Amino acid sequence: MEAMGDFTGGVSEIYELNNEHPNLFTIMLNSFQRQSLMCGAILNSKSPDTDKKGLFKSHAYSITRITYIPLPSSNSIIPLIRLRNPWGKSEWNGRWSDKSDEWKSIPQHLKQSIGLIIEDDGEFWMLFDDFVKYFSILEICHLNPGYLDNEQYRVSGGAKWDLSIFEGEWVRGATAGGCDKFKGIIIFNNIKSLTL
């Protein structure tokens, strides 16, 4: 989370997946559509078969796509998440993994539209319920504070974000932050400050 914020200047938030948020998939889908960066991490062993399912404990995975996919056989839709192991090896081998039988019922044009690639490249699809079951935390880095939705995040009584941009200068105490000394200021790329 800190690295995503430092590299992009975005506003980051974290969700513990032990206490599942009722609208978490919707939050993730909205964040993906707004081009926010996301990752999931397995900090502890929530399930005894984590290793057998091709996942690493104490490891973070990039989230590269969020979508719903229709199931032609049941006339329903299911929430899927595409993740990438930054090591580029070892993939999830459970439901909706690259070689799982679930993909057989999905038309080829739909598989192409969501970018299904069946290779041992470290990127894989996973059912949202399995993501919550195996992963410990979700981190989201919003690249623009305007993406934070008042209703979704329950920002109280008309509080608004104020964005200031300083270009071409490094000013001590204004654009040179990063420590706990300036708690009322969040620094973006060392050139922007955001306050609530």
C-alpha atoms as a PDB file:
ATOM      1  CA  MET A   1       0.000   0.000   0.000  1.00  0.00           C
ATOM      2  CA  GLU A   2       2.779   2.440   0.889  1.00  0.00           C
ATOM      3  CA  ALA A   3       4.682   1.650  -2.306  1.00  0.00           C
ATOM      4  CA  MET A   4       1.601   2.238  -4.488  1.00  0.00           C
ATOM      5  CA  GLY A   5       1.000   5.572  -2.763  1.00  0.00           C
ATOM      6  CA  ASP A   6       4.656   6.600  -2.994  1.00  0.00           C
ATOM      7  CA  PHE A   7       4.959   5.723  -6.674  1.00  0.00           C
ATOM      8  CA  THR A   8       1.659   7.230  -7.814  1.00  0.00           C
ATOM      9  CA  GLY A   9       0.737   9.858  -5.248  1.00  0.00           C
ATOM     10  CA  GLY A  10      -2.616   8.107  -4.846  1.00  0.00           C
ATOM     11  CA  VAL A  11      -4.840   7.749  -1.798  1.00  0.00           C
ATOM     12  CA  SER A  12      -4.648   4.230  -0.383  1.00  0.00           C
ATOM     13  CA  GLU A  13      -7.025   2.178   1.715  1.00  0.00           C
ATOM     14  CA  ILE A  14      -6.936  -1.321   3.138  1.00  0.00           C
ATOM     15  CA  TYR A  15      -9.617  -3.941   3.781  1.00  0.00           C
ATOM     16  CA  GLU A  16      -9.107  -6.868   6.109  1.00  0.00           C
ATOM     17  CA  LEU A  17     -10.765  -9.842   4.491  1.00  0.00           C
ATOM     18  CA  ASN A  18     -11.530 -11.447   7.862  1.00  0.00           C
ATOM     19  CA  ASN A  19     -14.286  -8.869   8.292  1.00  0.00           C
ATOM     20  CA  GLU A  20     -15.794  -8.956   4.835  1.00  0.00           C
ATOM     21  CA  HIS A  21     -17.357  -5.692   3.736  1.00  0.00           C
ATOM     22  CA  PRO A  22     -20.856  -6.397   2.312  1.00  0.00           C
ATOM     23  CA  ASN A  23     -20.188  -4.362  -0.851  1.00  0.00           C
ATOM     24  CA  LEU A  24     -16.559  -5.353  -1.323  1.00  0.00           C
ATOM     25  CA  PHE A  25     -16.872  -6.742  -4.858  1.00  0.00           C
ATOM     26  CA  THR A  26     -18.750  -3.608  -5.969  1.00  0.00           C
ATOM     27  CA  ILE A  27     -16.043  -1.429  -4.392  1.00  0.00           C
ATOM     28  CA  MET A  28     -13.391  -3.442  -6.237  1.00  0.00           C
ATOM     29  CA  LEU A  29     -15.270  -3.268  -9.553  1.00  0.00           C
ATOM     30  CA  ASN A  30     -15.792   0.508  -9.230  1.00  0.00           C
ATOM     31  CA  SER A  31     -12.132   0.964  -8.292  1.00  0.00           C
ATOM     32  CA  PHE A  32     -10.990  -1.085 -11.287  1.00  0.00           C
ATOM     33  CA  GLN A  33     -13.212   0.945 -13.622  1.00  0.00           C
ATOM     34  CA  ARG A  34     -11.623   4.125 -12.199  1.00  0.00           C
ATOM     35  CA  GLN A  35      -8.149   2.676 -12.888  1.00  0.00           C
ATOM     36  CA  SER A  36      -7.222   2.379  -9.225  1.00  0.00           C
ATOM     37  CA  LEU A  37      -4.352   0.024  -8.392  1.00  0.00           C
ATOM     38  CA  MET A  38      -5.177  -3.034  -6.280  1.00  0.00           C
ATOM     39  CA  CYS A  39      -3.398  -5.932  -4.687  1.00  0.00           C
ATOM     40  CA  GLY A  40      -4.277  -8.798  -2.405  1.00  0.00           C
ATOM     41  CA  ALA A  41      -1.958 -10.341   0.155  1.00  0.00           C
ATOM     42  CA  ILE A  42      -1.869 -13.590   2.068  1.00  0.00           C
ATOM     43  CA  LEU A  43      -0.388 -12.608   5.422  1.00  0.00           C
ATOM     44  CA  ASN A  44      -1.406 -15.665   7.370  1.00  0.00           C
ATOM     45  CA  SER A  45      -2.778 -19.098   6.639  1.00  0.00           C
ATOM     46  CA  LYS A  46      -6.549 -18.659   6.487  1.00  0.00           C
ATOM     47  CA  SER A  47      -6.950 -22.068   4.840  1.00  0.00           C
ATOM     48  CA  PRO A  48      -4.841 -25.179   5.442  1.00  0.00           C
ATOM     49  CA  ASP A  49      -4.633 -25.956   1.703  1.00  0.00           C
ATOM     50  CA  THR A  50      -3.195 -22.579   0.579  1.00  0.00           C
ATOM     51  CA  ASP A  51       0.081 -24.149  -0.615  1.00  0.00           C
ATOM     52  CA  LYS A  52      -1.692 -26.991  -2.404  1.00  0.00           C
ATOM     53  CA  LYS A  53      -3.809 -24.448  -4.288  1.00  0.00           C
ATOM     54  CA  GLY A  54      -0.673 -22.833  -5.757  1.00  0.00           C
ATOM     55  CA  LEU A  55      -0.663 -19.709  -3.555  1.00  0.00           C
ATOM     56  CA  PHE A  56       2.196 -18.397  -1.422  1.00  0.00           C
ATOM     57  CA  LYS A  57       1.795 -17.288   2.177  1.00  0.00           C
ATOM     58  CA  SER A  58       3.356 -13.957   3.205  1.00  0.00           C
ATOM     59  CA  HIS A  59       3.073 -12.780  -0.404  1.00  0.00           C
ATOM     60  CA  ALA A  60       1.209 -10.078  -2.355  1.00  0.00           C
ATOM     61  CA  TYR A  61      -0.481 -10.429  -5.760  1.00  0.00           C
ATOM     62  CA  SER A  62      -1.449  -7.672  -8.200  1.00  0.00           C
ATOM     63  CA  ILE A  63      -5.118  -7.501  -9.153  1.00  0.00           C
ATOM     64  CA  THR A  64      -5.253  -6.918 -12.898  1.00  0.00           C
ATOM     65  CA  ARG A  65      -8.958  -7.231 -13.711  1.00  0.00           C
ATOM     66  CA  ILE A  66     -12.375  -7.395 -12.020  1.00  0.00           C
ATOM     67  CA  THR A  67     -15.449  -8.576 -13.908  1.00  0.00           C
ATOM     68  CA  TYR A  68     -18.703 -10.461 -13.869  1.00  0.00           C
ATOM     69  CA  ILE A  69     -19.028 -13.348 -16.292  1.00  0.00           C
ATOM     70  CA  PRO A  70     -22.358 -14.854 -17.413  1.00  0.00           C
ATOM     71  CA  LEU A  71     -22.908 -18.581 -17.041  1.00  0.00           C
ATOM     72  CA  PRO A  72     -24.955 -19.650 -20.065  1.00  0.00           C
ATOM     73  CA  SER A  73     -26.064 -22.910 -18.452  1.00  0.00           C
ATOM     74  CA  SER A  74     -27.633 -21.339 -15.345  1.00  0.00           C
ATOM     75  CA  ASN A  75     -28.606 -17.870 -16.596  1.00  0.00           C
ATOM     76  CA  SER A  76     -26.594 -16.289 -13.765  1.00  0.00           C
ATOM     77  CA  ILE A  77     -23.432 -14.232 -13.423  1.00  0.00           C
ATOM     78  CA  ILE A  78     -20.406 -14.836 -11.240  1.00  0.00           C
ATOM     79  CA  PRO A  79     -17.808 -12.365  -9.916  1.00  0.00           C
ATOM     80  CA  LEU A  80     -14.244 -13.085 -11.037  1.00  0.00           C
ATOM     81  CA  ILE A  81     -10.892 -11.515 -10.197  1.00  0.00           C
ATOM     82  CA  ARG A  82      -7.712 -11.822 -12.258  1.00  0.00           C
ATOM     83  CA  LEU A  83      -4.523 -11.792 -10.187  1.00  0.00           C
ATOM     84  CA  ARG A  84      -0.845 -11.839 -11.056  1.00  0.00           C
ATOM     85  CA  ASN A  85       1.974 -13.290  -9.053  1.00  0.00           C
ATOM     86  CA  PRO A  86       4.805 -10.732  -9.468  1.00  0.00           C
ATOM     87  CA  TRP A  87       7.301 -13.603  -9.424  1.00  0.00           C
ATOM     88  CA  GLY A  88       5.752 -14.765 -12.709  1.00  0.00           C
ATOM     89  CA  LYS A  89       5.496 -18.369 -11.580  1.00  0.00           C
ATOM     90  CA  SER A  90       3.104 -20.611  -9.712  1.00  0.00           C
ATOM     91  CA  GLU A  91      -0.591 -20.046 -10.221  1.00  0.00           C
ATOM     92  CA  TRP A  92      -3.846 -20.723  -8.422  1.00  0.00           C
ATOM     93  CA  ASN A  93      -5.108 -24.185  -9.375  1.00  0.00           C
ATOM     94  CA  GLY A  94      -8.602 -24.101  -7.850  1.00  0.00           C
ATOM     95  CA  ARG A  95     -11.943 -23.109  -9.355  1.00  0.00           C
ATOM     96  CA  TRP A  96     -11.676 -20.869 -12.453  1.00  0.00           C
ATOM     97  CA  SER A  97      -7.922 -21.358 -12.713  1.00  0.00           C
ATOM     98  CA  ASP A  98      -6.439 -21.448 -16.232  1.00  0.00           C
ATOM     99  CA  LYS A  99      -7.020 -25.158 -16.825  1.00  0.00           C
ATOM    100  CA  SER A 100     -10.157 -25.697 -14.737  1.00  0.00           C
ATOM    101  CA  ASP A 101     -13.293 -27.309 -16.149  1.00  0.00           C
ATOM    102  CA  GLU A 102     -15.402 -24.199 -15.380  1.00  0.00           C
ATOM    103  CA  TRP A 103     -14.052 -22.483 -18.527  1.00  0.00           C
ATOM    104  CA  LYS A 104     -15.436 -25.231 -20.791  1.00  0.00           C
ATOM    105  CA  SER A 105     -18.973 -23.828 -20.509  1.00  0.00           C
ATOM    106  CA  ILE A 106     -17.899 -20.292 -21.484  1.00  0.00           C
ATOM    107  CA  PRO A 107     -18.052 -19.328 -25.193  1.00  0.00           C
ATOM    108  CA  GLN A 108     -14.697 -18.601 -26.858  1.00  0.00           C
ATOM    109  CA  HIS A 109     -15.597 -14.987 -27.740  1.00  0.00           C
ATOM    110  CA  LEU A 110     -16.324 -14.278 -24.052  1.00  0.00           C
ATOM    111  CA  LYS A 111     -13.020 -15.819 -22.966  1.00  0.00           C
ATOM    112  CA  GLN A 112     -11.244 -13.582 -25.471  1.00  0.00           C
ATOM    113  CA  SER A 113     -13.140 -10.477 -24.343  1.00  0.00           C
ATOM    114  CA  ILE A 114     -11.971 -10.862 -20.744  1.00  0.00           C
ATOM    115  CA  GLY A 115      -8.406 -11.739 -21.763  1.00  0.00           C
ATOM    116  CA  LEU A 116      -8.213 -15.378 -20.698  1.00  0.00           C
ATOM    117  CA  ILE A 117      -4.718 -16.652 -21.513  1.00  0.00           C
ATOM    118  CA  ILE A 118      -3.918 -20.232 -20.611  1.00  0.00           C
ATOM    119  CA  GLU A 119      -0.197 -20.133 -19.874  1.00  0.00           C
ATOM    120  CA  ASP A 120       2.011 -20.658 -16.861  1.00  0.00           C
ATOM    121  CA  ASP A 121       2.755 -16.920 -16.706  1.00  0.00           C
ATOM    122  CA  GLY A 122       1.799 -16.173 -13.097  1.00  0.00           C
ATOM    123  CA  GLU A 123      -1.550 -14.572 -14.017  1.00  0.00           C
ATOM    124  CA  PHE A 124      -4.790 -16.389 -13.190  1.00  0.00           C
ATOM    125  CA  TRP A 125      -8.520 -15.971 -12.598  1.00  0.00           C
ATOM    126  CA  MET A 126     -10.196 -16.669  -9.285  1.00  0.00           C
ATOM    127  CA  LEU A 127     -13.760 -16.660  -8.006  1.00  0.00           C
ATOM    128  CA  PHE A 128     -14.389 -13.700  -5.671  1.00  0.00           C
ATOM    129  CA  ASP A 129     -15.473 -16.043  -2.841  1.00  0.00           C
ATOM    130  CA  ASP A 130     -12.179 -17.925  -3.120  1.00  0.00           C
ATOM    131  CA  PHE A 131     -10.263 -14.640  -3.075  1.00  0.00           C
ATOM    132  CA  VAL A 132     -11.934 -13.725   0.228  1.00  0.00           C
ATOM    133  CA  LYS A 133     -11.368 -17.244   1.560  1.00  0.00           C
ATOM    134  CA  TYR A 134      -7.617 -17.407   0.842  1.00  0.00           C
ATOM    135  CA  PHE A 135      -6.416 -13.797   0.991  1.00  0.00           C
ATOM    136  CA  SER A 136      -5.976 -11.757   4.183  1.00  0.00           C
ATOM    137  CA  ILE A 137      -6.086  -8.164   2.940  1.00  0.00           C
ATOM    138  CA  LEU A 138      -7.060  -6.084  -0.060  1.00  0.00           C
ATOM    139  CA  GLU A 139      -5.220  -2.817  -0.725  1.00  0.00           C
ATOM    140  CA  ILE A 140      -6.579  -0.188  -3.123  1.00  0.00           C
ATOM    141  CA  CYS A 141      -4.716   2.916  -4.277  1.00  0.00           C
ATOM    142  CA  HIS A 142      -7.008   5.529  -5.840  1.00  0.00           C
ATOM    143  CA  LEU A 143      -5.091   7.682  -8.305  1.00  0.00           C
ATOM    144  CA  ASN A 144      -7.411  10.658  -7.826  1.00  0.00           C
ATOM    145  CA  PRO A 145      -9.201  11.659  -4.601  1.00  0.00           C
ATOM    146  CA  GLY A 146     -12.283  12.543  -6.657  1.00  0.00           C
ATOM    147  CA  TYR A 147     -12.822   8.800  -7.042  1.00  0.00           C
ATOM    148  CA  LEU A 148     -13.629   8.420  -3.372  1.00  0.00           C
ATOM    149  CA  ASP A 149     -17.388   8.189  -3.246  1.00  0.00           C
ATOM    150  CA  ASN A 150     -19.179   9.892  -0.338  1.00  0.00           C
ATOM    151  CA  GLU A 151     -21.923   7.271  -0.124  1.00  0.00           C
ATOM    152  CA  GLN A 152     -19.526   4.329  -0.422  1.00  0.00           C
ATOM    153  CA  TYR A 153     -17.048   5.631   2.138  1.00  0.00           C
ATOM    154  CA  ARG A 154     -19.536   7.537   4.322  1.00  0.00           C
ATOM    155  CA  VAL A 155     -17.630  10.825   4.354  1.00  0.00           C
ATOM    156  CA  SER A 156     -19.577  12.906   6.858  1.00  0.00           C
ATOM    157  CA  GLY A 157     -21.423  16.212   6.544  1.00  0.00           C
ATOM    158  CA  GLY A 158     -20.145  17.770   3.363  1.00  0.00           C
ATOM    159  CA  ALA A 159     -16.426  17.214   3.994  1.00  0.00           C
ATOM    160  CA  LYS A 160     -14.587  17.643   0.707  1.00  0.00           C
ATOM    161  CA  TRP A 161     -11.136  16.854  -0.554  1.00  0.00           C
ATOM    162  CA  ASP A 162      -8.927  19.769  -1.455  1.00  0.00           C
ATOM    163  CA  LEU A 163      -6.190  19.106  -3.989  1.00  0.00           C
ATOM    164  CA  SER A 164      -3.214  21.433  -4.423  1.00  0.00           C
ATOM    165  CA  ILE A 165      -0.533  20.960  -7.050  1.00  0.00           C
ATOM    166  CA  PHE A 166       2.952  22.435  -6.795  1.00  0.00           C
ATOM    167  CA  GLU A 167       5.048  22.116  -9.926  1.00  0.00           C
ATOM    168  CA  GLY A 168       8.780  22.502 -10.401  1.00  0.00           C
ATOM    169  CA  GLU A 169       9.758  23.072  -6.785  1.00  0.00           C
ATOM    170  CA  TRP A 170      10.622  21.058  -3.715  1.00  0.00           C
ATOM    171  CA  VAL A 171       9.418  23.056  -0.697  1.00  0.00           C
ATOM    172  CA  ARG A 172      10.426  21.863   2.762  1.00  0.00           C
ATOM    173  CA  GLY A 173       7.329  21.158   4.869  1.00  0.00           C
ATOM    174  CA  ALA A 174       4.901  21.631   1.967  1.00  0.00           C
ATOM    175  CA  THR A 175       5.819  19.232  -0.830  1.00  0.00           C
ATOM    176  CA  ALA A 176       8.553  17.289   0.948  1.00  0.00           C
ATOM    177  CA  GLY A 177       6.586  15.041   3.262  1.00  0.00           C
ATOM    178  CA  GLY A 178       6.400  11.395   4.040  1.00  0.00           C
ATOM    179  CA  CYS A 179       6.906  11.349   7.790  1.00  0.00           C
ATOM    180  CA  ASP A 180       4.466  11.421  10.702  1.00  0.00           C
ATOM    181  CA  LYS A 181       5.368  15.050  11.386  1.00  0.00           C
ATOM    182  CA  PHE A 182       2.816  16.288   8.830  1.00  0.00           C
ATOM    183  CA  LYS A 183      -0.235  14.223   9.779  1.00  0.00           C
ATOM    184  CA  GLY A 184      -2.777  16.623   8.223  1.00  0.00           C
ATOM    185  CA  ILE A 185      -1.073  16.424   4.820  1.00  0.00           C
ATOM    186  CA  ILE A 186      -0.808  13.445   2.491  1.00  0.00           C
ATOM    187  CA  ILE A 187       1.955  13.887  -0.077  1.00  0.00           C
ATOM    188  CA  PHE A 188       1.501  12.862  -3.722  1.00  0.00           C
ATOM    189  CA  ASN A 189       4.649  12.254  -5.772  1.00  0.00           C
ATOM    190  CA  ASN A 190       6.293  14.946  -3.664  1.00  0.00           C
ATOM    191  CA  ILE A 191       4.546  17.605  -5.747  1.00  0.00           C
ATOM    192  CA  LYS A 192       0.935  17.454  -4.597  1.00  0.00           C
ATOM    193  CA  SER A 193      -0.740  17.703  -1.211  1.00  0.00           C
ATOM    194  CA  LEU A 194      -4.204  16.553  -0.256  1.00  0.00           C
ATOM    195  CA  THR A 195      -6.134  17.452   2.868  1.00  0.00           C
ATOM    196  CA  LEU A 196      -9.594  16.598   4.181  1.00  0.00           C
END
